Amino acid sequence: MSEASKRATIYFDAGLHAALRVKAAHTNRSISDLVNDAVRAALAEDQEDLAAFENRVAEPTMTYEALLDDLKAHGKI
């Protein structure tokens, strides 16, 4: 753990905590390492999603009704 690390108290569901303990033991890693990696992955995914929205902001939009009409007109529904 580095000096820049911060301590936090997290309450896990009992089953999830048991699974984390088993995975930590099997991978020779700490629960903190596993949780940090999972949080990093979730935040990176959020960042990718936001970037995708940003890239598509200029695309034309269509109402739900128009989408249904288009799907019906093309035999998709």
Protein backbone atom coordinates (compact mmCIF):
# COMPACT_ATOMS: atom_id res chain seq x y z
CA MET A 1 0.00 0.00 0.00
CA SER A 2 1.43 3.37 -0.98
CA GLU A 3 1.43 6.57 1.06
CA ALA A 4 -1.14 7.99 -1.37
CA SER A 5 -3.59 5.22 -0.51
CA LYS A 6 -6.67 6.18 1.48
CA ARG A 7 -8.54 3.98 3.89
CA ALA A 8 -12.29 3.42 3.55
CA THR A 9 -14.77 1.16 5.26
CA ILE A 10 -16.87 -0.86 2.85
CA TYR A 11 -19.65 -3.24 3.88
CA PHE A 12 -20.04 -6.27 1.60
CA ASP A 13 -22.87 -8.74 1.38
CA ALA A 14 -21.72 -11.85 3.25
CA GLY A 15 -21.69 -14.02 0.12
CA LEU A 16 -19.78 -11.43 -1.88
CA HIS A 17 -17.23 -11.08 0.89
CA ALA A 18 -16.75 -14.84 1.00
CA ALA A 19 -16.24 -14.92 -2.78
CA LEU A 20 -13.72 -12.09 -2.56
CA ARG A 21 -11.78 -13.90 0.18
CA VAL A 22 -11.65 -17.07 -1.91
CA LYS A 23 -10.58 -15.20 -5.06
CA ALA A 24 -7.95 -13.27 -3.12
CA ALA A 25 -6.54 -16.50 -1.71
CA HIS A 26 -6.54 -18.24 -5.09
CA THR A 27 -4.84 -15.33 -6.85
CA ASN A 28 -2.43 -14.47 -4.01
CA ARG A 29 -3.80 -10.91 -3.97
CA SER A 30 -5.47 -8.85 -1.29
CA ILE A 31 -9.16 -8.02 -1.25
CA SER A 32 -8.10 -4.36 -1.50
CA ASP A 33 -6.23 -5.08 -4.76
CA LEU A 34 -9.25 -6.90 -6.19
CA VAL A 35 -11.64 -4.10 -5.20
CA ASN A 36 -9.32 -1.38 -6.50
CA ASP A 37 -9.04 -3.16 -9.87
CA ALA A 38 -12.82 -3.62 -10.06
CA VAL A 39 -13.46 0.06 -9.28
CA ARG A 40 -10.84 1.16 -11.84
CA ALA A 41 -12.50 -1.06 -14.47
CA ALA A 42 -15.96 0.33 -13.67
CA LEU A 43 -14.72 3.93 -13.84
CA ALA A 44 -12.88 3.27 -17.12
CA GLU A 45 -16.06 1.77 -18.58
CA ASP A 46 -18.01 4.85 -17.49
CA GLN A 47 -15.40 7.06 -19.13
CA GLU A 48 -15.64 5.05 -22.37
CA ASP A 49 -19.45 5.33 -22.31
CA LEU A 50 -19.28 9.11 -21.81
CA ALA A 51 -16.78 9.43 -24.66
CA ALA A 52 -19.09 7.42 -26.93
CA PHE A 53 -22.01 9.71 -26.07
CA GLU A 54 -19.81 12.74 -26.75
CA ASN A 55 -18.81 11.32 -30.15
CA ARG A 56 -22.45 10.75 -31.10
CA VAL A 57 -23.89 14.07 -29.88
CA ALA A 58 -24.11 15.47 -33.42
CA GLU A 59 -25.96 12.44 -34.82
CA PRO A 60 -29.59 13.02 -35.80
CA THR A 61 -32.21 11.81 -33.36
CA MET A 62 -35.50 10.06 -33.97
CA THR A 63 -38.58 9.74 -31.81
CA TYR A 64 -39.62 6.35 -30.55
CA GLU A 65 -42.76 6.53 -32.68
CA ALA A 66 -40.69 7.33 -35.79
CA LEU A 67 -38.39 4.41 -35.02
CA LEU A 68 -41.36 2.05 -34.76
CA ASP A 69 -42.80 3.40 -38.03
CA ASP A 70 -39.43 2.90 -39.75
CA LEU A 71 -39.08 -0.65 -38.43
CA LYS A 72 -42.61 -1.49 -39.55
CA ALA A 73 -42.06 0.08 -42.99
CA HIS A 74 -38.98 -2.10 -43.49
CA GLY A 75 -40.69 -5.31 -42.31
CA LYS A 76 -38.63 -5.61 -39.14
CA ILE A 77 -41.69 -5.73 -36.87
